[in-house]
Protein backbone atom coordinates (compact mmCIF):
# COMPACT_ATOMS: atom_id res chain seq x y z
CA UNK A 1 161.03 -106.80 -194.35
CA UNK A 2 159.83 -103.36 -193.35
CA UNK A 3 160.21 -102.62 -189.67
CA UNK A 4 157.07 -101.78 -187.74
CA UNK A 5 156.82 -98.51 -185.79
CA UNK A 6 157.41 -98.97 -182.08
CA UNK A 7 155.65 -95.88 -180.70
CA UNK A 8 152.36 -94.08 -181.17
CA UNK A 9 151.87 -90.45 -180.21
CA UNK A 10 148.41 -88.94 -179.72
CA UNK A 11 147.85 -85.20 -179.88
CA UNK A 12 144.54 -84.47 -178.13
CA UNK A 13 144.09 -80.86 -179.24
CA UNK A 14 143.79 -81.85 -182.91
CA UNK A 15 142.66 -85.45 -182.25
CA UNK A 16 145.53 -86.79 -184.35
CA UNK A 17 147.98 -89.61 -183.92
CA UNK A 18 151.16 -90.72 -185.68
CA UNK A 19 153.46 -93.73 -185.55
CA UNK A 20 157.22 -93.51 -184.91
CA UNK A 21 160.32 -95.68 -184.78
CA UNK A 22 161.73 -93.88 -181.74
CA UNK A 23 160.51 -92.21 -178.57
CA UNK A 24 162.56 -89.14 -179.48
CA UNK A 25 160.78 -88.75 -182.85
CA UNK A 26 157.39 -89.14 -181.16
CA UNK A 27 158.31 -86.54 -178.56
CA UNK A 28 159.49 -84.06 -181.21
CA UNK A 29 156.26 -84.48 -183.21
CA UNK A 30 154.10 -84.08 -180.14
CA UNK A 31 155.91 -80.95 -178.94
CA UNK A 32 155.73 -79.39 -182.42
CA UNK A 33 152.07 -80.26 -182.98
CA UNK A 34 150.56 -78.09 -180.24
CA UNK A 35 150.41 -75.07 -182.53
CA UNK A 36 148.21 -72.82 -180.44
CA UNK A 37 149.37 -69.61 -178.81
CA UNK A 38 150.48 -70.82 -175.43
CA UNK A 39 149.69 -74.30 -174.21
CA UNK A 40 146.37 -75.95 -175.01
CA UNK A 41 144.00 -77.13 -172.28
CA UNK A 42 144.34 -80.71 -173.54
CA UNK A 43 148.11 -80.55 -173.11
CA UNK A 44 147.75 -79.09 -169.63
CA UNK A 45 145.36 -81.89 -168.66
CA UNK A 46 147.73 -84.62 -169.85
CA UNK A 47 145.39 -85.78 -172.63
CA UNK A 48 148.18 -86.12 -175.21
CA UNK A 49 150.53 -89.08 -174.86
CA UNK A 50 153.21 -91.35 -176.25
CA UNK A 51 152.76 -95.10 -175.93
CA UNK A 52 155.08 -97.96 -176.76
CA UNK A 53 153.54 -100.62 -178.99
CA UNK A 54 153.99 -103.98 -177.28
CA UNK A 55 151.57 -106.22 -179.17
CA UNK A 56 150.18 -106.38 -182.70
CA UNK A 57 147.30 -108.34 -184.13
CA UNK A 58 147.71 -111.42 -186.26
CA UNK A 59 145.17 -113.74 -187.81
CA UNK A 60 145.20 -117.47 -187.12
CA UNK A 61 143.22 -119.14 -189.92
CA UNK A 62 141.04 -121.89 -188.46
CA UNK A 63 139.18 -123.06 -191.58
CA UNK A 64 139.09 -122.50 -195.35
CA UNK A 65 136.27 -122.57 -197.86
CA UNK A 66 138.24 -125.04 -200.01
CA UNK A 67 137.82 -127.67 -197.28
CA UNK A 68 134.07 -127.87 -197.97
CA UNK A 69 131.81 -129.16 -200.72
CA UNK A 70 130.27 -126.73 -203.21
CA UNK A 71 127.02 -127.84 -204.80
CA UNK A 72 127.17 -127.70 -208.58
CA UNK A 73 125.36 -129.06 -211.64
CA UNK A 74 126.79 -132.54 -211.03
CA UNK A 75 125.36 -132.68 -207.51
CA UNK A 76 121.79 -133.66 -206.63
CA UNK A 77 120.82 -131.41 -203.69
CA UNK A 78 118.27 -134.00 -202.42
CA UNK A 79 120.87 -136.79 -202.35
CA UNK A 80 124.00 -134.82 -201.34
CA UNK A 81 125.05 -135.13 -197.71
CA UNK A 82 128.44 -133.38 -198.03
CA UNK A 83 128.91 -130.37 -195.79
CA UNK A 84 128.79 -126.96 -197.43
CA UNK A 85 130.76 -123.86 -196.37
CA UNK A 86 128.79 -122.66 -193.30
CA UNK A 87 129.68 -118.98 -193.81
CA UNK A 88 128.82 -116.38 -196.43
CA UNK A 89 130.30 -117.04 -199.88
CA UNK A 90 132.27 -113.79 -199.79
CA UNK A 91 134.54 -115.29 -197.09
CA UNK A 92 137.28 -117.67 -198.23
CA UNK A 93 138.54 -118.38 -194.72
CA UNK A 94 137.70 -117.78 -191.07
CA UNK A 95 139.96 -117.41 -188.09
CA UNK A 96 140.77 -115.97 -184.72
CA UNK A 97 142.46 -112.67 -184.00
CA UNK A 98 145.44 -113.09 -181.72
CA UNK A 99 148.08 -110.73 -180.41
CA UNK A 100 151.79 -111.30 -180.81
CA UNK A 101 154.39 -109.73 -178.56
CA UNK A 102 156.62 -107.39 -180.60
CA UNK A 103 158.91 -106.20 -177.84
CA UNK A 104 162.62 -106.73 -178.49
């Protein structure tokens, strides 16, 4: 399984960010990215940063379309009392977004 980056660095002068496996790599990128003559105002003001990623999103599926009835030719709409999928047809499942702790 591919390891997930542990740090994000944001460079305010160019409004760019990048993901890194180590704090050292993030620091090197951030120091090299301020390519102006001298030091940018954003850098002086502390607008650029490095943050450690502590949580990532995950989806908890709460229901699936396959659990519901789909009206077809063999089903009389007047007589059918089976519950249909209550969401748009383009969705095959619904769920909740949760956050998982990814700290070592």
